[in-house]
Amino acid sequence: MRYPRPPKPVDVPANAGFSLIEVLVALTVLSIAGVAFIRVAQSHIETVDRLEVRMLSNIVAQNTLVELRLDPSGINAAPSRVQMADRTWLVTVGSKASSDPDLAEVSISVSEDGGAGAESLLNAFVDTAGPS
């Protein structure tokens, strides 16, 4: 009975594998790529949040315009607070006369309550004469 021969030892060169410097360079490159990815993801999240705020403020402005067209007596009202989508919105309505005495030019400004500037600005005309 013959026994199989054990494999011959392989001569491994002394410089096989990665050196410590190569590993450190690879980790540095990966960490820089990771930081760049985190910044891109953060920027994307902020952009989506801004778009959400703008969309919701436009909806609040359009709802206010519909309310004013149904009841024009609210045109000269004081700024109001509106609840929508778990947020509080500050709605300001300004008006000025137009060349037609039965139309008022209204400017609706909507911002988040406590926000710095207007998120949405809507200009439109409202019939103040009532139904004809």
N, C-alpha and C. Protein backbone atom coordinates (compact mmCIF):
# COMPACT_ATOMS: atom_id res chain seq x y z
N MET A 1 0.83 -1.16 0.00
CA MET A 1 0.00 0.00 0.00
C MET A 1 0.88 1.23 0.00
N ARG A 2 0.55 2.08 -0.90
CA ARG A 2 1.34 3.30 -1.03
C ARG A 2 0.58 4.47 -0.44
N TYR A 3 1.31 5.24 0.25
CA TYR A 3 0.72 6.45 0.82
C TYR A 3 1.00 7.62 -0.11
N PRO A 4 0.01 8.52 -0.25
CA PRO A 4 0.27 9.67 -1.12
C PRO A 4 1.34 10.56 -0.51
N ARG A 5 2.08 11.10 -1.37
CA ARG A 5 3.14 11.98 -0.90
C ARG A 5 2.56 13.31 -0.43
N PRO A 6 3.10 13.84 0.61
CA PRO A 6 2.64 15.17 1.04
C PRO A 6 3.06 16.20 -0.02
N PRO A 7 2.25 17.25 -0.16
CA PRO A 7 2.61 18.26 -1.16
C PRO A 7 3.94 18.89 -0.81
N LYS A 8 4.61 19.30 -1.87
CA LYS A 8 5.90 19.95 -1.65
C LYS A 8 5.66 21.35 -1.09
N PRO A 9 6.47 21.77 -0.18
CA PRO A 9 6.30 23.13 0.34
C PRO A 9 6.54 24.15 -0.77
N VAL A 10 5.69 25.18 -0.76
CA VAL A 10 5.80 26.24 -1.77
C VAL A 10 6.69 27.33 -1.20
N ASP A 11 7.59 27.74 -2.00
CA ASP A 11 8.46 28.83 -1.57
C ASP A 11 7.69 30.14 -1.69
N VAL A 12 7.48 30.81 -0.56
CA VAL A 12 6.78 32.09 -0.55
C VAL A 12 7.83 33.19 -0.51
N PRO A 13 7.74 34.11 -1.47
CA PRO A 13 8.72 35.18 -1.44
C PRO A 13 8.52 36.05 -0.20
N ALA A 14 9.54 36.67 0.21
CA ALA A 14 9.50 37.48 1.44
C ALA A 14 8.61 38.71 1.29
N ASN A 15 8.36 39.18 0.07
CA ASN A 15 7.57 40.40 -0.12
C ASN A 15 6.14 40.11 -0.56
N ALA A 16 5.62 38.93 -0.33
CA ALA A 16 4.25 38.58 -0.71
C ALA A 16 3.27 39.24 0.26
N GLY A 17 2.05 39.60 -0.24
CA GLY A 17 1.04 40.22 0.60
C GLY A 17 1.14 41.74 0.57
N PHE A 18 0.36 42.37 1.43
CA PHE A 18 0.34 43.83 1.49
C PHE A 18 1.24 44.31 2.60
N SER A 19 1.90 45.40 2.32
CA SER A 19 2.70 46.01 3.38
C SER A 19 1.79 46.92 4.20
N LEU A 20 2.25 47.36 5.32
CA LEU A 20 1.47 48.24 6.18
C LEU A 20 1.17 49.55 5.48
N ILE A 21 2.09 50.09 4.73
CA ILE A 21 1.87 51.35 4.00
C ILE A 21 0.74 51.17 2.98
N GLU A 22 0.72 50.06 2.26
CA GLU A 22 -0.33 49.82 1.27
C GLU A 22 -1.70 49.72 1.93
N VAL A 23 -1.78 49.09 3.06
CA VAL A 23 -3.04 48.98 3.79
C VAL A 23 -3.49 50.36 4.25
N LEU A 24 -2.58 51.16 4.77
CA LEU A 24 -2.94 52.51 5.23
C LEU A 24 -3.41 53.38 4.07
N VAL A 25 -2.77 53.28 2.92
CA VAL A 25 -3.19 54.06 1.75
C VAL A 25 -4.59 53.62 1.32
N ALA A 26 -4.85 52.34 1.30
CA ALA A 26 -6.17 51.83 0.92
C ALA A 26 -7.25 52.32 1.90
N LEU A 27 -6.96 52.29 3.19
CA LEU A 27 -7.92 52.78 4.18
C LEU A 27 -8.16 54.28 4.04
N THR A 28 -7.12 55.03 3.71
CA THR A 28 -7.28 56.47 3.52
C THR A 28 -8.19 56.76 2.33
N VAL A 29 -7.97 56.05 1.23
CA VAL A 29 -8.81 56.25 0.04
C VAL A 29 -10.26 55.89 0.36
N LEU A 30 -10.48 54.78 1.05
CA LEU A 30 -11.84 54.38 1.41
C LEU A 30 -12.51 55.37 2.34
N SER A 31 -11.76 55.93 3.28
CA SER A 31 -12.35 56.89 4.21
C SER A 31 -12.71 58.20 3.49
N ILE A 32 -11.89 58.63 2.55
CA ILE A 32 -12.20 59.84 1.78
C ILE A 32 -13.46 59.60 0.95
N ALA A 33 -13.57 58.44 0.33
CA ALA A 33 -14.78 58.11 -0.45
C ALA A 33 -16.01 58.05 0.46
N GLY A 34 -15.86 57.52 1.65
CA GLY A 34 -16.97 57.46 2.60
C GLY A 34 -17.45 58.83 3.03
N VAL A 35 -16.52 59.73 3.30
CA VAL A 35 -16.88 61.09 3.68
C VAL A 35 -17.60 61.79 2.54
N ALA A 36 -17.11 61.60 1.31
CA ALA A 36 -17.77 62.21 0.15
C ALA A 36 -19.18 61.67 -0.01
N PHE A 37 -19.37 60.38 0.18
CA PHE A 37 -20.70 59.79 0.07
C PHE A 37 -21.64 60.35 1.13
N ILE A 38 -21.16 60.52 2.35
CA ILE A 38 -21.99 61.06 3.43
C ILE A 38 -22.40 62.49 3.11
N ARG A 39 -21.51 63.29 2.56
CA ARG A 39 -21.85 64.68 2.20
C ARG A 39 -22.90 64.72 1.10
N VAL A 40 -22.77 63.85 0.11
CA VAL A 40 -23.76 63.81 -0.98
C VAL A 40 -25.12 63.38 -0.43
N ALA A 41 -25.14 62.41 0.44
CA ALA A 41 -26.40 61.95 1.02
C ALA A 41 -27.04 63.04 1.87
N GLN A 42 -26.25 63.76 2.64
CA GLN A 42 -26.76 64.85 3.46
C GLN A 42 -27.33 65.96 2.59
N SER A 43 -26.64 66.31 1.53
CA SER A 43 -27.12 67.34 0.61
C SER A 43 -28.44 66.92 -0.03
N HIS A 44 -28.56 65.67 -0.39
CA HIS A 44 -29.79 65.16 -0.99
C HIS A 44 -30.95 65.25 0.00
N ILE A 45 -30.72 64.90 1.24
CA ILE A 45 -31.77 64.96 2.26
C ILE A 45 -32.22 66.40 2.48
N GLU A 46 -31.28 67.33 2.53
CA GLU A 46 -31.64 68.74 2.70
C GLU A 46 -32.44 69.26 1.51
N THR A 47 -32.08 68.84 0.30
CA THR A 47 -32.81 69.27 -0.90
C THR A 47 -34.24 68.73 -0.88
N VAL A 48 -34.39 67.47 -0.51
CA VAL A 48 -35.73 66.88 -0.44
C VAL A 48 -36.57 67.60 0.61
N ASP A 49 -35.99 67.96 1.73
CA ASP A 49 -36.72 68.69 2.77
C ASP A 49 -37.16 70.06 2.27
N ARG A 50 -36.25 70.78 1.58
CA ARG A 50 -36.61 72.10 1.04
C ARG A 50 -37.74 71.98 0.02
N LEU A 51 -37.68 70.96 -0.83
CA LEU A 51 -38.74 70.76 -1.82
C LEU A 51 -40.08 70.45 -1.15
N GLU A 52 -40.03 69.69 -0.08
CA GLU A 52 -41.26 69.38 0.65
C GLU A 52 -41.86 70.66 1.24
N VAL A 53 -41.03 71.50 1.83
CA VAL A 53 -41.52 72.75 2.41
C VAL A 53 -42.12 73.64 1.32
N ARG A 54 -41.45 73.75 0.19
CA ARG A 54 -41.97 74.60 -0.91
C ARG A 54 -43.28 74.06 -1.44
N MET A 55 -43.39 72.75 -1.60
CA MET A 55 -44.61 72.15 -2.11
C MET A 55 -45.77 72.40 -1.15
N LEU A 56 -45.54 72.16 0.13
CA LEU A 56 -46.60 72.35 1.12
C LEU A 56 -47.00 73.82 1.23
N SER A 57 -46.03 74.73 1.16
CA SER A 57 -46.37 76.15 1.24
C SER A 57 -47.16 76.59 0.01
N ASN A 58 -46.87 76.03 -1.16
CA ASN A 58 -47.67 76.33 -2.35
C ASN A 58 -49.10 75.84 -2.19
N ILE A 59 -49.27 74.67 -1.60
CA ILE A 59 -50.62 74.15 -1.38
C ILE A 59 -51.38 75.05 -0.40
N VAL A 60 -50.72 75.50 0.65
CA VAL A 60 -51.36 76.40 1.61
C VAL A 60 -51.76 77.71 0.92
N ALA A 61 -50.90 78.25 0.06
CA ALA A 61 -51.21 79.49 -0.66
C ALA A 61 -52.40 79.29 -1.59
N GLN A 62 -52.43 78.17 -2.30
CA GLN A 62 -53.55 77.91 -3.20
C GLN A 62 -54.86 77.71 -2.43
N ASN A 63 -54.79 77.03 -1.29
CA ASN A 63 -55.99 76.88 -0.46
C ASN A 63 -56.49 78.24 0.03
N THR A 64 -55.57 79.10 0.41
CA THR A 64 -55.95 80.44 0.87
C THR A 64 -56.62 81.22 -0.26
N LEU A 65 -56.09 81.10 -1.48
CA LEU A 65 -56.69 81.78 -2.62
C LEU A 65 -58.11 81.28 -2.87
N VAL A 66 -58.33 79.99 -2.77
CA VAL A 66 -59.68 79.44 -2.95
C VAL A 66 -60.61 79.99 -1.88
N GLU A 67 -60.15 80.06 -0.64
CA GLU A 67 -60.97 80.61 0.45
C GLU A 67 -61.31 82.07 0.18
N LEU A 68 -60.34 82.84 -0.33
CA LEU A 68 -60.59 84.26 -0.62
C LEU A 68 -61.57 84.42 -1.77
N ARG A 69 -61.50 83.53 -2.75
CA ARG A 69 -62.45 83.63 -3.87
C ARG A 69 -63.86 83.25 -3.43
N LEU A 70 -63.97 82.38 -2.43
CA LEU A 70 -65.29 82.02 -1.89
C LEU A 70 -65.83 83.11 -0.97
N ASP A 71 -64.94 83.74 -0.20
CA ASP A 71 -65.34 84.79 0.73
C ASP A 71 -64.31 85.91 0.68
N PRO A 72 -64.51 86.92 -0.18
CA PRO A 72 -63.52 87.98 -0.35
C PRO A 72 -63.36 88.90 0.87
N SER A 73 -64.19 88.73 1.89
CA SER A 73 -64.08 89.61 3.05
C SER A 73 -62.77 89.37 3.82
N GLY A 74 -62.11 88.26 3.60
CA GLY A 74 -60.86 87.97 4.30
C GLY A 74 -59.63 88.57 3.66
N ILE A 75 -59.83 89.37 2.61
CA ILE A 75 -58.67 89.93 1.90
C ILE A 75 -57.86 90.85 2.79
N ASN A 76 -58.49 91.67 3.57
CA ASN A 76 -57.76 92.63 4.41
C ASN A 76 -57.58 92.13 5.84
N ALA A 77 -57.67 90.84 6.05
CA ALA A 77 -57.54 90.28 7.40
C ALA A 77 -56.07 90.28 7.84
N ALA A 78 -55.89 90.14 9.13
CA ALA A 78 -54.54 90.07 9.70
C ALA A 78 -53.90 88.74 9.31
N PRO A 79 -52.58 88.66 9.40
CA PRO A 79 -51.92 87.39 9.10
C PRO A 79 -52.50 86.26 9.96
N SER A 80 -52.59 85.09 9.37
CA SER A 80 -53.19 83.96 10.09
C SER A 80 -52.22 82.80 10.12
N ARG A 81 -52.49 81.89 11.04
CA ARG A 81 -51.69 80.67 11.16
C ARG A 81 -52.55 79.50 10.70
N VAL A 82 -51.95 78.65 9.88
CA VAL A 82 -52.66 77.50 9.32
C VAL A 82 -51.88 76.24 9.67
N GLN A 83 -52.61 75.20 10.10
CA GLN A 83 -51.99 73.91 10.39
C GLN A 83 -52.12 73.03 9.16
N MET A 84 -51.02 72.47 8.69
CA MET A 84 -51.05 71.52 7.58
C MET A 84 -49.81 70.66 7.63
N ALA A 85 -49.99 69.35 7.49
CA ALA A 85 -48.89 68.39 7.46
C ALA A 85 -48.01 68.50 8.70
N ASP A 86 -48.63 68.59 9.86
CA ASP A 86 -47.92 68.68 11.14
C ASP A 86 -46.98 69.87 11.22
N ARG A 87 -47.30 70.92 10.49
CA ARG A 87 -46.51 72.16 10.53
C ARG A 87 -47.47 73.33 10.68
N THR A 88 -46.94 74.42 11.20
CA THR A 88 -47.72 75.64 11.31
C THR A 88 -47.18 76.63 10.29
N TRP A 89 -48.08 77.20 9.51
CA TRP A 89 -47.72 78.13 8.45
C TRP A 89 -48.27 79.51 8.76
N LEU A 90 -47.49 80.53 8.49
CA LEU A 90 -47.92 81.91 8.65
C LEU A 90 -48.33 82.41 7.27
N VAL A 91 -49.61 82.80 7.15
CA VAL A 91 -50.17 83.24 5.87
C VAL A 91 -50.48 84.72 5.96
N THR A 92 -49.90 85.51 5.06
CA THR A 92 -50.13 86.94 5.00
C THR A 92 -50.74 87.27 3.64
N VAL A 93 -51.85 88.01 3.68
CA VAL A 93 -52.54 88.39 2.44
C VAL A 93 -52.46 89.89 2.30
N GLY A 94 -51.90 90.34 1.19
CA GLY A 94 -51.87 91.76 0.88
C GLY A 94 -52.72 92.00 -0.35
N SER A 95 -53.27 93.19 -0.47
CA SER A 95 -54.10 93.47 -1.64
C SER A 95 -53.89 94.90 -2.09
N LYS A 96 -54.20 95.11 -3.36
CA LYS A 96 -54.23 96.46 -3.89
C LYS A 96 -55.28 96.50 -4.99
N ALA A 97 -55.78 97.67 -5.26
CA ALA A 97 -56.83 97.83 -6.25
C ALA A 97 -56.27 97.60 -7.65
N SER A 98 -57.11 97.11 -8.51
CA SER A 98 -56.71 96.93 -9.90
C SER A 98 -57.47 97.94 -10.75
N SER A 99 -57.26 97.90 -12.05
CA SER A 99 -57.94 98.85 -12.93
C SER A 99 -59.44 98.57 -12.99
N ASP A 100 -59.85 97.34 -12.67
CA ASP A 100 -61.27 96.99 -12.61
C ASP A 100 -61.71 97.12 -11.16
N PRO A 101 -62.75 97.91 -10.86
CA PRO A 101 -63.16 98.10 -9.46
C PRO A 101 -63.71 96.83 -8.81
N ASP A 102 -64.12 95.86 -9.61
CA ASP A 102 -64.65 94.62 -9.05
C ASP A 102 -63.57 93.56 -8.79
N LEU A 103 -62.32 93.86 -9.14
CA LEU A 103 -61.23 92.91 -8.93
C LEU A 103 -60.21 93.49 -7.97
N ALA A 104 -59.72 92.66 -7.10
CA ALA A 104 -58.64 93.04 -6.20
C ALA A 104 -57.43 92.18 -6.52
N GLU A 105 -56.28 92.80 -6.61
CA GLU A 105 -55.05 92.04 -6.82
C GLU A 105 -54.53 91.63 -5.46
N VAL A 106 -54.43 90.34 -5.22
CA VAL A 106 -53.98 89.86 -3.92
C VAL A 106 -52.62 89.21 -4.06
N SER A 107 -51.86 89.33 -3.00
CA SER A 107 -50.54 88.71 -2.90
C SER A 107 -50.53 87.89 -1.62
N ILE A 108 -50.40 86.58 -1.77
CA ILE A 108 -50.43 85.67 -0.63
C ILE A 108 -49.02 85.18 -0.36
N SER A 109 -48.54 85.44 0.84
CA SER A 109 -47.20 85.03 1.24
C SER A 109 -47.33 83.97 2.33
N VAL A 110 -46.63 82.85 2.14
CA VAL A 110 -46.70 81.75 3.10
C VAL A 110 -45.29 81.41 3.55
N SER A 111 -45.11 81.31 4.86
CA SER A 111 -43.82 80.88 5.41
C SER A 111 -44.09 79.97 6.60
N GLU A 112 -43.07 79.18 6.93
CA GLU A 112 -43.20 78.36 8.13
C GLU A 112 -43.20 79.28 9.33
N ASP A 113 -44.03 78.95 10.31
CA ASP A 113 -44.11 79.77 11.51
C ASP A 113 -42.73 79.79 12.17
N GLY A 114 -42.16 80.96 12.31
CA GLY A 114 -40.83 81.09 12.87
C GLY A 114 -39.74 81.05 11.81
N GLY A 115 -40.12 80.87 10.54
CA GLY A 115 -39.15 80.84 9.46
C GLY A 115 -38.67 82.24 9.10
N ALA A 116 -37.56 82.31 8.42
CA ALA A 116 -36.96 83.60 8.10
C ALA A 116 -37.69 84.33 6.99
N GLY A 117 -37.93 83.67 5.87
CA GLY A 117 -38.53 84.35 4.72
C GLY A 117 -39.69 83.57 4.17
N ALA A 118 -40.32 84.16 3.16
CA ALA A 118 -41.47 83.52 2.53
C ALA A 118 -41.03 82.29 1.75
N GLU A 119 -41.72 81.19 1.96
CA GLU A 119 -41.45 79.98 1.21
C GLU A 119 -42.21 79.99 -0.11
N SER A 120 -43.36 80.68 -0.11
CA SER A 120 -44.19 80.71 -1.30
C SER A 120 -44.85 82.07 -1.40
N LEU A 121 -44.95 82.57 -2.63
CA LEU A 121 -45.60 83.84 -2.90
C LEU A 121 -46.51 83.64 -4.09
N LEU A 122 -47.81 83.93 -3.92
CA LEU A 122 -48.81 83.72 -4.96
C LEU A 122 -49.51 85.02 -5.22
N ASN A 123 -49.51 85.46 -6.47
CA ASN A 123 -50.22 86.67 -6.88
C ASN A 123 -51.39 86.26 -7.75
N ALA A 124 -52.58 86.84 -7.47
CA ALA A 124 -53.79 86.48 -8.22
C ALA A 124 -54.80 87.61 -8.12
N PHE A 125 -55.90 87.44 -8.82
CA PHE A 125 -57.00 88.40 -8.76
C PHE A 125 -58.21 87.72 -8.14
N VAL A 126 -58.95 88.51 -7.33
CA VAL A 126 -60.13 88.00 -6.66
C VAL A 126 -61.29 88.93 -7.00
N ASP A 127 -62.43 88.32 -7.37
CA ASP A 127 -63.63 89.09 -7.68
C ASP A 127 -64.28 89.52 -6.36
N THR A 128 -64.30 90.83 -6.12
CA THR A 128 -64.87 91.34 -4.86
C THR A 128 -66.30 91.77 -5.01
N ALA A 129 -66.85 91.73 -6.22
CA ALA A 129 -68.23 92.20 -6.44
C ALA A 129 -69.24 91.15 -6.02
N GLY A 130 -68.83 89.92 -5.89
CA GLY A 130 -69.76 88.87 -5.53
C GLY A 130 -70.41 88.28 -6.76
N PRO A 131 -71.36 87.37 -6.56
CA PRO A 131 -71.99 86.73 -7.72
C PRO A 131 -72.83 87.74 -8.51
N SER A 132 -72.85 87.55 -9.82
CA SER A 132 -73.59 88.51 -10.65
C SER A 132 -74.90 87.92 -11.13
